[in-house]
Amino acid sequence: MILFKDYRNQHYREFIEDVGDMDGVQKILDLSVVPHFTTLQKFLCRVKTLYLRLTFRKTVNLFYSSDENIPITAIDSSGFTSGYCSHYFSERTGKIRKHFLKTSISVDTDQQVITGFVASKSRVHDTRHAEKLLRQCHKIRKSDCYVMDKGYDSEAILRLIREDLHANSVIPIRSWNNEIIGGKYRQEMACQFNDIIYPRRQIVENKFSVLKRKFSGDLKARRFLIQTKEIANKMIVCNIHRFLQFLVVRVFYRAEKISIKVCLQKVNLILSSNNPGFTTKQFIRQPFFNQRLLEKF
């Protein structure tokens, strides 16, 4: 129910009121009595972060086979507002909220799936999140290449990707009007920068936009531990939402292929009975193809 609440982007009270009117949802969840909204709040406070991490990992595994690697992974960071008052109230009182939780995520640029996330209470440099996030997402699902912006330009990060993770990286080099570039891997990156792969980094920015538009960029909790659980829920719901999109597309595509196959089988039966030696392709090319199909079906 917590994930369903985040999917609907509602407050606890509003969500419980709506669930009380949803007989179908109560039947699916096997709810004899709709719980009080504080029950959900207490559950989120008491559930261990480890269980949310395991659930997140299972949502990632929905998209891949056991030994499948990700071709390109993009990494970037953004912020989730940790204030619990409305933005309108902040503007009206003249106290604009500036505090937020910095969150870094890794995204598969092909499937657009979130494969890892790290959150911190204070504003830290991108490189502070990079090592932990790289090891985390590589453990969940290995990637052949990592794409990041200039904020992640560091010899230590490049060495970690090349030597420990055994992957490639595309990170532009920061320049301070100095021709001297320090570091072995930074020098290689300056000479062999891939302009074709680097634009894929924009997909992680699009993913942040989807997260904040569909599932809100505001965190309702006040304590940091509960806020990190809210962020984990948003990542889980976002991956589930992406999986449902894939599922709908595949079902309709499969249904379309099956309907075309059945139609062609019926055409073959018609041809074999009425026009011996006349192929399906020749029949389809005839101008009266649609009219004859309507007459037979």
C-alpha atoms as a PDB file:
ATOM      1  CA  MET A   1       0.000   0.000   0.000  1.00  0.00           C
ATOM      2  CA  ILE A   2       2.960   2.307   0.632  1.00  0.00           C
ATOM      3  CA  LEU A   3       4.121   1.862  -2.965  1.00  0.00           C
ATOM      4  CA  PHE A   4       0.579   2.369  -4.260  1.00  0.00           C
ATOM      5  CA  LYS A   5       0.393   5.621  -2.282  1.00  0.00           C
ATOM      6  CA  ASP A   6       3.657   6.825  -3.853  1.00  0.00           C
ATOM      7  CA  TYR A   7       2.422   5.779  -7.282  1.00  0.00           C
ATOM      8  CA  ARG A   8      -0.714   7.905  -6.840  1.00  0.00           C
ATOM      9  CA  ASN A   9       1.410  10.731  -5.350  1.00  0.00           C
ATOM     10  CA  GLN A  10      -0.957  11.318  -2.425  1.00  0.00           C
ATOM     11  CA  HIS A  11      -0.717  12.122   1.270  1.00  0.00           C
ATOM     12  CA  TYR A  12      -1.503   9.389   3.799  1.00  0.00           C
ATOM     13  CA  ARG A  13      -4.947  10.730   4.790  1.00  0.00           C
ATOM     14  CA  GLU A  14      -6.059  11.357   1.223  1.00  0.00           C
ATOM     15  CA  PHE A  15      -4.815   7.947   0.077  1.00  0.00           C
ATOM     16  CA  ILE A  16      -6.646   6.024   2.826  1.00  0.00           C
ATOM     17  CA  GLU A  17      -9.869   7.896   2.035  1.00  0.00           C
ATOM     18  CA  ASP A  18      -9.580   6.905  -1.624  1.00  0.00           C
ATOM     19  CA  VAL A  19      -8.788   3.263  -0.797  1.00  0.00           C
ATOM     20  CA  GLY A  20     -11.988   3.162   1.253  1.00  0.00           C
ATOM     21  CA  ASP A  21     -13.908   3.806  -1.988  1.00  0.00           C
ATOM     22  CA  MET A  22     -11.927   1.271  -4.061  1.00  0.00           C
ATOM     23  CA  ASP A  23     -13.653  -2.085  -3.654  1.00  0.00           C
ATOM     24  CA  GLY A  24     -11.497  -3.690  -6.324  1.00  0.00           C
ATOM     25  CA  VAL A  25      -8.269  -2.665  -4.624  1.00  0.00           C
ATOM     26  CA  GLN A  26      -9.516  -3.920  -1.253  1.00  0.00           C
ATOM     27  CA  LYS A  27     -10.373  -7.265  -2.832  1.00  0.00           C
ATOM     28  CA  ILE A  28      -6.968  -7.602  -4.520  1.00  0.00           C
ATOM     29  CA  LEU A  29      -5.100  -6.692  -1.314  1.00  0.00           C
ATOM     30  CA  ASP A  30      -7.452  -8.898   0.742  1.00  0.00           C
ATOM     31  CA  LEU A  31      -8.348  -6.063   3.110  1.00  0.00           C
ATOM     32  CA  SER A  32     -11.207  -6.843   5.453  1.00  0.00           C
ATOM     33  CA  VAL A  33     -10.774  -3.424   7.088  1.00  0.00           C
ATOM     34  CA  VAL A  34      -9.091  -0.344   5.619  1.00  0.00           C
ATOM     35  CA  PRO A  35      -6.190   0.529   7.951  1.00  0.00           C
ATOM     36  CA  HIS A  36      -5.771   3.897   9.635  1.00  0.00           C
ATOM     37  CA  PHE A  37      -3.375   6.240   7.879  1.00  0.00           C
ATOM     38  CA  THR A  38      -0.998   6.164  10.862  1.00  0.00           C
ATOM     39  CA  THR A  39      -0.547   2.420  10.281  1.00  0.00           C
ATOM     40  CA  LEU A  40       1.223   3.151   7.000  1.00  0.00           C
ATOM     41  CA  GLN A  41       3.351   5.825   8.652  1.00  0.00           C
ATOM     42  CA  LYS A  42       4.414   3.456  11.437  1.00  0.00           C
ATOM     43  CA  PHE A  43       5.172   0.703   8.941  1.00  0.00           C
ATOM     44  CA  LEU A  44       7.482   2.993   6.948  1.00  0.00           C
ATOM     45  CA  CYS A  45       9.250   3.995  10.159  1.00  0.00           C
ATOM     46  CA  ARG A  46       9.781   0.408  11.297  1.00  0.00           C
ATOM     47  CA  VAL A  47      10.573  -1.406   8.056  1.00  0.00           C
ATOM     48  CA  LYS A  48      14.298  -1.997   7.563  1.00  0.00           C
ATOM     49  CA  THR A  49      16.074  -0.223   4.729  1.00  0.00           C
ATOM     50  CA  LEU A  50      17.591  -3.572   3.749  1.00  0.00           C
ATOM     51  CA  TYR A  51      14.157  -4.885   2.724  1.00  0.00           C
ATOM     52  CA  LEU A  52      13.588  -1.857   0.499  1.00  0.00           C
ATOM     53  CA  ARG A  53      17.013  -2.388  -1.078  1.00  0.00           C
ATOM     54  CA  LEU A  54      16.191  -6.024  -1.790  1.00  0.00           C
ATOM     55  CA  THR A  55      12.854  -5.031  -3.305  1.00  0.00           C
ATOM     56  CA  PHE A  56      14.582  -2.437  -5.478  1.00  0.00           C
ATOM     57  CA  ARG A  57      17.053  -5.067  -6.679  1.00  0.00           C
ATOM     58  CA  LYS A  58      14.201  -7.391  -7.654  1.00  0.00           C
ATOM     59  CA  THR A  59      12.603  -4.625  -9.730  1.00  0.00           C
ATOM     60  CA  VAL A  60      15.884  -4.184 -11.616  1.00  0.00           C
ATOM     61  CA  ASN A  61      16.141  -7.927 -12.315  1.00  0.00           C
ATOM     62  CA  LEU A  62      12.706  -7.839 -13.993  1.00  0.00           C
ATOM     63  CA  PHE A  63      14.285  -6.326 -17.112  1.00  0.00           C
ATOM     64  CA  TYR A  64      17.292  -8.612 -17.620  1.00  0.00           C
ATOM     65  CA  SER A  65      18.303 -12.229 -17.914  1.00  0.00           C
ATOM     66  CA  SER A  66      20.698 -13.744 -15.376  1.00  0.00           C
ATOM     67  CA  ASP A  67      24.014 -12.963 -17.145  1.00  0.00           C
ATOM     68  CA  GLU A  68      22.984  -9.952 -19.223  1.00  0.00           C
ATOM     69  CA  ASN A  69      25.174  -6.840 -19.039  1.00  0.00           C
ATOM     70  CA  ILE A  70      24.076  -3.239 -19.523  1.00  0.00           C
ATOM     71  CA  PRO A  71      25.750  -1.624 -22.566  1.00  0.00           C
ATOM     72  CA  ILE A  72      25.770   1.981 -21.262  1.00  0.00           C
ATOM     73  CA  THR A  73      24.944   3.333 -17.787  1.00  0.00           C
ATOM     74  CA  ALA A  74      24.510   7.069 -17.174  1.00  0.00           C
ATOM     75  CA  ILE A  75      25.045   8.655 -13.740  1.00  0.00           C
ATOM     76  CA  ASP A  76      23.956  12.073 -12.477  1.00  0.00           C
ATOM     77  CA  SER A  77      22.634  13.755  -9.332  1.00  0.00           C
ATOM     78  CA  SER A  78      19.739  15.996  -8.338  1.00  0.00           C
ATOM     79  CA  GLY A  79      17.881  17.033  -5.192  1.00  0.00           C
ATOM     80  CA  PHE A  80      14.624  16.072  -3.488  1.00  0.00           C
ATOM     81  CA  THR A  81      13.141  18.844  -1.352  1.00  0.00           C
ATOM     82  CA  SER A  82      12.939  17.826   2.286  1.00  0.00           C
ATOM     83  CA  GLY A  83      10.489  20.503   3.412  1.00  0.00           C
ATOM     84  CA  TYR A  84       7.032  19.402   4.526  1.00  0.00           C
ATOM     85  CA  CYS A  85       5.207  22.695   3.942  1.00  0.00           C
ATOM     86  CA  SER A  86       3.732  23.630   0.579  1.00  0.00           C
ATOM     87  CA  HIS A  87       5.747  25.640  -1.930  1.00  0.00           C
ATOM     88  CA  TYR A  88       2.890  28.189  -2.071  1.00  0.00           C
ATOM     89  CA  PHE A  89       3.182  28.761   1.686  1.00  0.00           C
ATOM     90  CA  SER A  90       6.937  29.205   1.354  1.00  0.00           C
ATOM     91  CA  GLU A  91       6.551  31.861  -1.345  1.00  0.00           C
ATOM     92  CA  ARG A  92       3.748  33.646   0.504  1.00  0.00           C
ATOM     93  CA  THR A  93       5.766  33.900   3.718  1.00  0.00           C
ATOM     94  CA  GLY A  94       8.943  34.839   1.867  1.00  0.00           C
ATOM     95  CA  LYS A  95      10.840  31.828   3.236  1.00  0.00           C
ATOM     96  CA  ILE A  96      11.827  29.853   0.195  1.00  0.00           C
ATOM     97  CA  ARG A  97      12.957  26.343   1.047  1.00  0.00           C
ATOM     98  CA  LYS A  98      16.560  25.650   0.101  1.00  0.00           C
ATOM     99  CA  HIS A  99      17.272  22.461   2.002  1.00  0.00           C
ATOM    100  CA  PHE A 100      17.170  19.243  -0.018  1.00  0.00           C
ATOM    101  CA  LEU A 101      18.568  15.728  -0.074  1.00  0.00           C
ATOM    102  CA  LYS A 102      21.144  15.251  -2.777  1.00  0.00           C
ATOM    103  CA  THR A 103      20.436  12.039  -4.663  1.00  0.00           C
ATOM    104  CA  SER A 104      22.569  10.353  -7.317  1.00  0.00           C
ATOM    105  CA  ILE A 105      21.160   7.636  -9.561  1.00  0.00           C
ATOM    106  CA  SER A 106      22.455   5.326 -12.283  1.00  0.00           C
ATOM    107  CA  VAL A 107      20.233   4.602 -15.285  1.00  0.00           C
ATOM    108  CA  ASP A 108      20.408   2.062 -18.096  1.00  0.00           C
ATOM    109  CA  THR A 109      20.277   4.240 -21.207  1.00  0.00           C
ATOM    110  CA  ASP A 110      18.607   1.502 -23.285  1.00  0.00           C
ATOM    111  CA  GLN A 111      15.869   0.289 -20.926  1.00  0.00           C
ATOM    112  CA  GLN A 112      15.692   3.573 -18.946  1.00  0.00           C
ATOM    113  CA  VAL A 113      15.746   1.600 -15.696  1.00  0.00           C
ATOM    114  CA  ILE A 114      17.201   2.934 -12.444  1.00  0.00           C
ATOM    115  CA  THR A 115      19.941   0.489 -11.399  1.00  0.00           C
ATOM    116  CA  GLY A 116      21.252   2.236  -8.271  1.00  0.00           C
ATOM    117  CA  PHE A 117      20.837   5.287  -6.029  1.00  0.00           C
ATOM    118  CA  VAL A 118      22.653   7.082  -3.202  1.00  0.00           C
ATOM    119  CA  ALA A 119      21.265   9.903  -1.022  1.00  0.00           C
ATOM    120  CA  SER A 120      22.983  12.259   1.413  1.00  0.00           C
ATOM    121  CA  LYS A 121      21.602  14.750   3.894  1.00  0.00           C
ATOM    122  CA  SER A 122      24.005  17.597   3.033  1.00  0.00           C
ATOM    123  CA  ARG A 123      25.266  19.023  -0.221  1.00  0.00           C
ATOM    124  CA  VAL A 124      28.360  17.082  -1.176  1.00  0.00           C
ATOM    125  CA  HIS A 125      30.458  16.959  -4.306  1.00  0.00           C
ATOM    126  CA  ASP A 126      29.437  14.520  -7.032  1.00  0.00           C
ATOM    127  CA  THR A 127      32.626  12.514  -6.586  1.00  0.00           C
ATOM    128  CA  ARG A 128      31.633  11.731  -2.963  1.00  0.00           C
ATOM    129  CA  HIS A 129      28.652   9.733  -4.265  1.00  0.00           C
ATOM    130  CA  ALA A 130      30.392   8.291  -7.306  1.00  0.00           C
ATOM    131  CA  GLU A 131      32.455   5.492  -5.757  1.00  0.00           C
ATOM    132  CA  LYS A 132      29.621   4.102  -3.635  1.00  0.00           C
ATOM    133  CA  LEU A 133      27.106   4.340  -6.481  1.00  0.00           C
ATOM    134  CA  LEU A 134      29.441   2.731  -9.021  1.00  0.00           C
ATOM    135  CA  ARG A 135      30.114  -0.253  -6.777  1.00  0.00           C
ATOM    136  CA  GLN A 136      26.422  -0.567  -5.902  1.00  0.00           C
ATOM    137  CA  CYS A 137      25.011  -0.507  -9.439  1.00  0.00           C
ATOM    138  CA  HIS A 138      27.856  -2.696 -10.773  1.00  0.00           C
ATOM    139  CA  LYS A 139      27.047  -5.286  -8.110  1.00  0.00           C
ATOM    140  CA  ILE A 140      23.369  -5.309  -9.043  1.00  0.00           C
ATOM    141  CA  ARG A 141      23.957  -5.360 -12.801  1.00  0.00           C
ATOM    142  CA  LYS A 142      27.328  -5.059 -14.555  1.00  0.00           C
ATOM    143  CA  SER A 143      27.744  -2.409 -17.220  1.00  0.00           C
ATOM    144  CA  ASP A 144      30.184  -2.141 -20.119  1.00  0.00           C
ATOM    145  CA  CYS A 145      30.442   1.660 -20.059  1.00  0.00           C
ATOM    146  CA  TYR A 146      29.676   4.513 -17.644  1.00  0.00           C
ATOM    147  CA  VAL A 147      28.806   8.017 -18.834  1.00  0.00           C
ATOM    148  CA  MET A 148      29.027  11.052 -16.506  1.00  0.00           C
ATOM    149  CA  ASP A 149      29.413  14.812 -16.733  1.00  0.00           C
ATOM    150  CA  LYS A 150      32.409  16.986 -15.819  1.00  0.00           C
ATOM    151  CA  GLY A 151      31.501  16.990 -12.147  1.00  0.00           C
ATOM    152  CA  TYR A 152      32.763  13.404 -11.942  1.00  0.00           C
ATOM    153  CA  ASP A 153      36.119  14.120 -13.576  1.00  0.00           C
ATOM    154  CA  SER A 154      38.617  12.459 -11.245  1.00  0.00           C
ATOM    155  CA  GLU A 155      41.584  10.175 -11.734  1.00  0.00           C
ATOM    156  CA  ALA A 156      40.391   8.034  -8.815  1.00  0.00           C
ATOM    157  CA  ILE A 157      36.961   7.486 -10.428  1.00  0.00           C
ATOM    158  CA  LEU A 158      38.482   6.649 -13.806  1.00  0.00           C
ATOM    159  CA  ARG A 159      40.872   4.204 -12.155  1.00  0.00           C
ATOM    160  CA  LEU A 160      38.023   2.587 -10.246  1.00  0.00           C
ATOM    161  CA  ILE A 161      36.015   2.052 -13.437  1.00  0.00           C
ATOM    162  CA  ARG A 162      38.929   0.736 -15.474  1.00  0.00           C
ATOM    163  CA  GLU A 163      40.822  -1.403 -12.964  1.00  0.00           C
ATOM    164  CA  ASP A 164      38.219  -2.555 -10.419  1.00  0.00           C
ATOM    165  CA  LEU A 165      35.000  -2.663 -12.465  1.00  0.00           C
ATOM    166  CA  HIS A 166      36.749  -3.559 -15.767  1.00  0.00           C
ATOM    167  CA  ALA A 167      34.549  -1.202 -17.787  1.00  0.00           C
ATOM    168  CA  ASN A 168      34.941   1.822 -20.034  1.00  0.00           C
ATOM    169  CA  SER A 169      34.069   5.401 -19.123  1.00  0.00           C
ATOM    170  CA  VAL A 170      33.143   8.620 -20.912  1.00  0.00           C
ATOM    171  CA  ILE A 171      33.744  11.645 -18.675  1.00  0.00           C
ATOM    172  CA  PRO A 172      34.739  15.039 -20.130  1.00  0.00           C
ATOM    173  CA  ILE A 173      37.894  16.575 -18.690  1.00  0.00           C
ATOM    174  CA  ARG A 174      37.635  19.836 -16.765  1.00  0.00           C
ATOM    175  CA  SER A 175      40.029  22.522 -18.001  1.00  0.00           C
ATOM    176  CA  TRP A 176      41.341  25.585 -16.185  1.00  0.00           C
ATOM    177  CA  ASN A 177      43.108  27.086 -19.209  1.00  0.00           C
ATOM    178  CA  ASN A 178      45.982  24.738 -18.493  1.00  0.00           C
ATOM    179  CA  GLU A 179      47.514  22.486 -21.132  1.00  0.00           C
ATOM    180  CA  ILE A 180      48.866  20.042 -18.539  1.00  0.00           C
ATOM    181  CA  ILE A 181      46.437  17.208 -17.696  1.00  0.00           C
ATOM    182  CA  GLY A 182      47.380  15.090 -14.720  1.00  0.00           C
ATOM    183  CA  GLY A 183      46.726  11.387 -14.404  1.00  0.00           C
ATOM    184  CA  LYS A 184      47.142   8.457 -16.788  1.00  0.00           C
ATOM    185  CA  TYR A 185      43.433   7.826 -17.421  1.00  0.00           C
ATOM    186  CA  ARG A 186      42.550  11.526 -17.609  1.00  0.00           C
ATOM    187  CA  GLN A 187      45.121  11.946 -20.358  1.00  0.00           C
ATOM    188  CA  GLU A 188      43.651   8.973 -22.232  1.00  0.00           C
ATOM    189  CA  MET A 189      40.157  10.448 -21.833  1.00  0.00           C
ATOM    190  CA  ALA A 190      41.325  13.814 -23.227  1.00  0.00           C
ATOM    191  CA  CYS A 191      42.807  12.111 -26.299  1.00  0.00           C
ATOM    192  CA  GLN A 192      40.109   9.466 -26.896  1.00  0.00           C
ATOM    193  CA  PHE A 193      36.877  11.149 -25.804  1.00  0.00           C
ATOM    194  CA  ASN A 194      33.811   9.506 -27.409  1.00  0.00           C
ATOM    195  CA  ASP A 195      31.431  12.182 -28.738  1.00  0.00           C
ATOM    196  CA  ILE A 196      28.922   9.561 -29.911  1.00  0.00           C
ATOM    197  CA  ILE A 197      28.290   7.859 -26.554  1.00  0.00           C
ATOM    198  CA  TYR A 198      28.396  10.978 -24.358  1.00  0.00           C
ATOM    199  CA  PRO A 199      24.979  12.397 -25.460  1.00  0.00           C
ATOM    200  CA  ARG A 200      23.345   9.286 -23.911  1.00  0.00           C
ATOM    201  CA  ARG A 201      23.954  10.963 -20.551  1.00  0.00           C
ATOM    202  CA  GLN A 202      20.854  13.091 -21.153  1.00  0.00           C
ATOM    203  CA  ILE A 203      18.675  10.046 -20.436  1.00  0.00           C
ATOM    204  CA  VAL A 204      19.512  10.176 -16.726  1.00  0.00           C
ATOM    205  CA  GLU A 205      18.331  13.801 -16.653  1.00  0.00           C
ATOM    206  CA  ASN A 206      15.105  12.733 -18.344  1.00  0.00           C
ATOM    207  CA  LYS A 207      14.687  10.067 -15.665  1.00  0.00           C
ATOM    208  CA  PHE A 208      14.954  12.666 -12.905  1.00  0.00           C
ATOM    209  CA  SER A 209      12.308  14.704 -14.709  1.00  0.00           C
ATOM    210  CA  VAL A 210       9.973  11.676 -14.842  1.00  0.00           C
ATOM    211  CA  LEU A 211      10.580  10.939 -11.157  1.00  0.00           C
ATOM    212  CA  LYS A 212       9.696  14.449 -10.023  1.00  0.00           C
ATOM    213  CA  ARG A 213       6.757  14.985 -12.367  1.00  0.00           C
ATOM    214  CA  LYS A 214       5.001  11.667 -11.809  1.00  0.00           C
ATOM    215  CA  PHE A 215       5.966  10.844  -8.227  1.00  0.00           C
ATOM    216  CA  SER A 216       6.778  14.306  -6.805  1.00  0.00           C
ATOM    217  CA  GLY A 217      10.136  15.804  -5.871  1.00  0.00           C
ATOM    218  CA  ASP A 218       9.026  16.609  -2.307  1.00  0.00           C
ATOM    219  CA  LEU A 219       9.675  14.413   0.711  1.00  0.00           C
ATOM    220  CA  LYS A 220       7.036  14.460   3.451  1.00  0.00           C
ATOM    221  CA  ALA A 221       9.092  12.970   6.288  1.00  0.00           C
ATOM    222  CA  ARG A 222      11.160  15.074   8.690  1.00  0.00           C
ATOM    223  CA  ARG A 223      13.783  12.550   9.793  1.00  0.00           C
ATOM    224  CA  PHE A 224      16.633  11.697   7.437  1.00  0.00           C
ATOM    225  CA  LEU A 225      16.241   7.910   7.817  1.00  0.00           C
ATOM    226  CA  ILE A 226      12.564   8.042   6.810  1.00  0.00           C
ATOM    227  CA  GLN A 227      13.398  10.421   3.965  1.00  0.00           C
ATOM    228  CA  THR A 228      15.855   7.897   2.526  1.00  0.00           C
ATOM    229  CA  LYS A 229      13.101   5.263   2.696  1.00  0.00           C
ATOM    230  CA  GLU A 230      10.786   7.611   0.787  1.00  0.00           C
ATOM    231  CA  ILE A 231      13.446   8.002  -1.901  1.00  0.00           C
ATOM    232  CA  ALA A 232      13.853   4.200  -2.075  1.00  0.00           C
ATOM    233  CA  ASN A 233      10.077   3.849  -2.530  1.00  0.00           C
ATOM    234  CA  LYS A 234      10.142   6.355  -5.380  1.00  0.00           C
ATOM    235  CA  MET A 235      12.889   4.374  -7.136  1.00  0.00           C
ATOM    236  CA  ILE A 236      10.965   1.105  -6.711  1.00  0.00           C
ATOM    237  CA  VAL A 237       7.715   2.613  -7.987  1.00  0.00           C
ATOM    238  CA  CYS A 238       9.477   4.242 -10.935  1.00  0.00           C
ATOM    239  CA  ASN A 239      10.976   0.903 -12.017  1.00  0.00           C
ATOM    240  CA  ILE A 240       7.640  -0.872 -11.616  1.00  0.00           C
ATOM    241  CA  HIS A 241       5.966   1.853 -13.682  1.00  0.00           C
ATOM    242  CA  ARG A 242       8.593   1.369 -16.388  1.00  0.00           C
ATOM    243  CA  PHE A 243       8.091  -2.406 -16.338  1.00  0.00           C
ATOM    244  CA  LEU A 244       4.330  -1.994 -16.748  1.00  0.00           C
ATOM    245  CA  GLN A 245       4.968   0.219 -19.772  1.00  0.00           C
ATOM    246  CA  PHE A 246       7.136  -2.509 -21.319  1.00  0.00           C
ATOM    247  CA  LEU A 247       4.538  -5.135 -20.461  1.00  0.00           C
ATOM    248  CA  VAL A 248       1.706  -3.219 -22.141  1.00  0.00           C
ATOM    249  CA  VAL A 249       3.770  -2.619 -25.278  1.00  0.00           C
ATOM    250  CA  ARG A 250       4.811  -6.275 -25.495  1.00  0.00           C
ATOM    251  CA  VAL A 251       1.283  -7.572 -24.953  1.00  0.00           C
ATOM    252  CA  PHE A 252      -0.200  -5.339 -27.663  1.00  0.00           C
ATOM    253  CA  TYR A 253       2.698  -6.064 -30.025  1.00  0.00           C
ATOM    254  CA  ARG A 254       2.291  -9.801 -29.457  1.00  0.00           C
ATOM    255  CA  ALA A 255      -1.475  -9.551 -29.960  1.00  0.00           C
ATOM    256  CA  GLU A 256      -0.935  -7.627 -33.189  1.00  0.00           C
ATOM    257  CA  LYS A 257       1.530 -10.233 -34.471  1.00  0.00           C
ATOM    258  CA  ILE A 258      -0.841 -13.072 -33.567  1.00  0.00           C
ATOM    259  CA  SER A 259      -3.793 -11.369 -35.277  1.00  0.00           C
ATOM    260  CA  ILE A 260      -1.757 -10.820 -38.466  1.00  0.00           C
ATOM    261  CA  LYS A 261      -0.592 -14.440 -38.391  1.00  0.00           C
ATOM    262  CA  VAL A 262      -4.153 -15.736 -37.970  1.00  0.00           C
ATOM    263  CA  CYS A 263      -5.358 -13.461 -40.765  1.00  0.00           C
ATOM    264  CA  LEU A 264      -2.694 -14.767 -43.148  1.00  0.00           C
ATOM    265  CA  GLN A 265      -3.549 -18.362 -42.231  1.00  0.00           C
ATOM    266  CA  LYS A 266      -7.190 -17.717 -43.123  1.00  0.00           C
ATOM    267  CA  VAL A 267      -6.097 -16.115 -46.402  1.00  0.00           C
ATOM    268  CA  ASN A 268      -4.079 -19.226 -47.218  1.00  0.00           C
ATOM    269  CA  LEU A 269      -7.157 -21.391 -46.603  1.00  0.00           C
ATOM    270  CA  ILE A 270      -9.211 -19.171 -48.906  1.00  0.00           C
ATOM    271  CA  LEU A 271      -6.581 -19.305 -51.646  1.00  0.00           C
ATOM    272  CA  SER A 272      -6.109 -23.053 -51.418  1.00  0.00           C
ATOM    273  CA  SER A 273      -9.847 -23.661 -51.737  1.00  0.00           C
ATOM    274  CA  ASN A 274     -10.715 -21.104 -54.443  1.00  0.00           C
ATOM    275  CA  ASN A 275      -7.510 -20.239 -56.300  1.00  0.00           C
ATOM    276  CA  PRO A 276      -5.036 -23.158 -56.572  1.00  0.00           C
ATOM    277  CA  GLY A 277      -1.464 -21.988 -57.233  1.00  0.00           C
ATOM    278  CA  PHE A 278      -2.192 -18.388 -56.208  1.00  0.00           C
ATOM    279  CA  THR A 279       0.194 -17.231 -53.416  1.00  0.00           C
ATOM    280  CA  THR A 280      -0.596 -15.034 -50.441  1.00  0.00           C
ATOM    281  CA  LYS A 281       1.781 -12.278 -51.559  1.00  0.00           C
ATOM    282  CA  GLN A 282       0.110 -12.095 -54.973  1.00  0.00           C
ATOM    283  CA  PHE A 283      -3.287 -11.951 -53.301  1.00  0.00           C
ATOM    284  CA  ILE A 284      -2.256  -9.091 -50.979  1.00  0.00           C
ATOM    285  CA  ARG A 285      -0.978  -7.061 -53.901  1.00  0.00           C
ATOM    286  CA  GLN A 286      -4.390  -7.146 -55.586  1.00  0.00           C
ATOM    287  CA  PRO A 287      -6.400  -3.878 -55.326  1.00  0.00           C
ATOM    288  CA  PHE A 288      -9.504  -5.771 -54.209  1.00  0.00           C
ATOM    289  CA  PHE A 289      -7.634  -7.425 -51.270  1.00  0.00           C
ATOM    290  CA  ASN A 290      -9.518  -5.575 -48.520  1.00  0.00           C
ATOM    291  CA  GLN A 291     -12.919  -6.122 -50.159  1.00  0.00           C
ATOM    292  CA  ARG A 292     -12.387  -9.891 -50.535  1.00  0.00           C
ATOM    293  CA  LEU A 293     -11.238 -10.182 -46.934  1.00  0.00           C
ATOM    294  CA  LEU A 294     -14.387  -8.452 -45.747  1.00  0.00           C
ATOM    295  CA  GLU A 295     -16.562 -10.742 -47.842  1.00  0.00           C
ATOM    296  CA  LYS A 296     -14.879 -13.923 -46.505  1.00  0.00           C
ATOM    297  CA  PHE A 297     -14.663 -12.865 -42.853  1.00  0.00           C
END
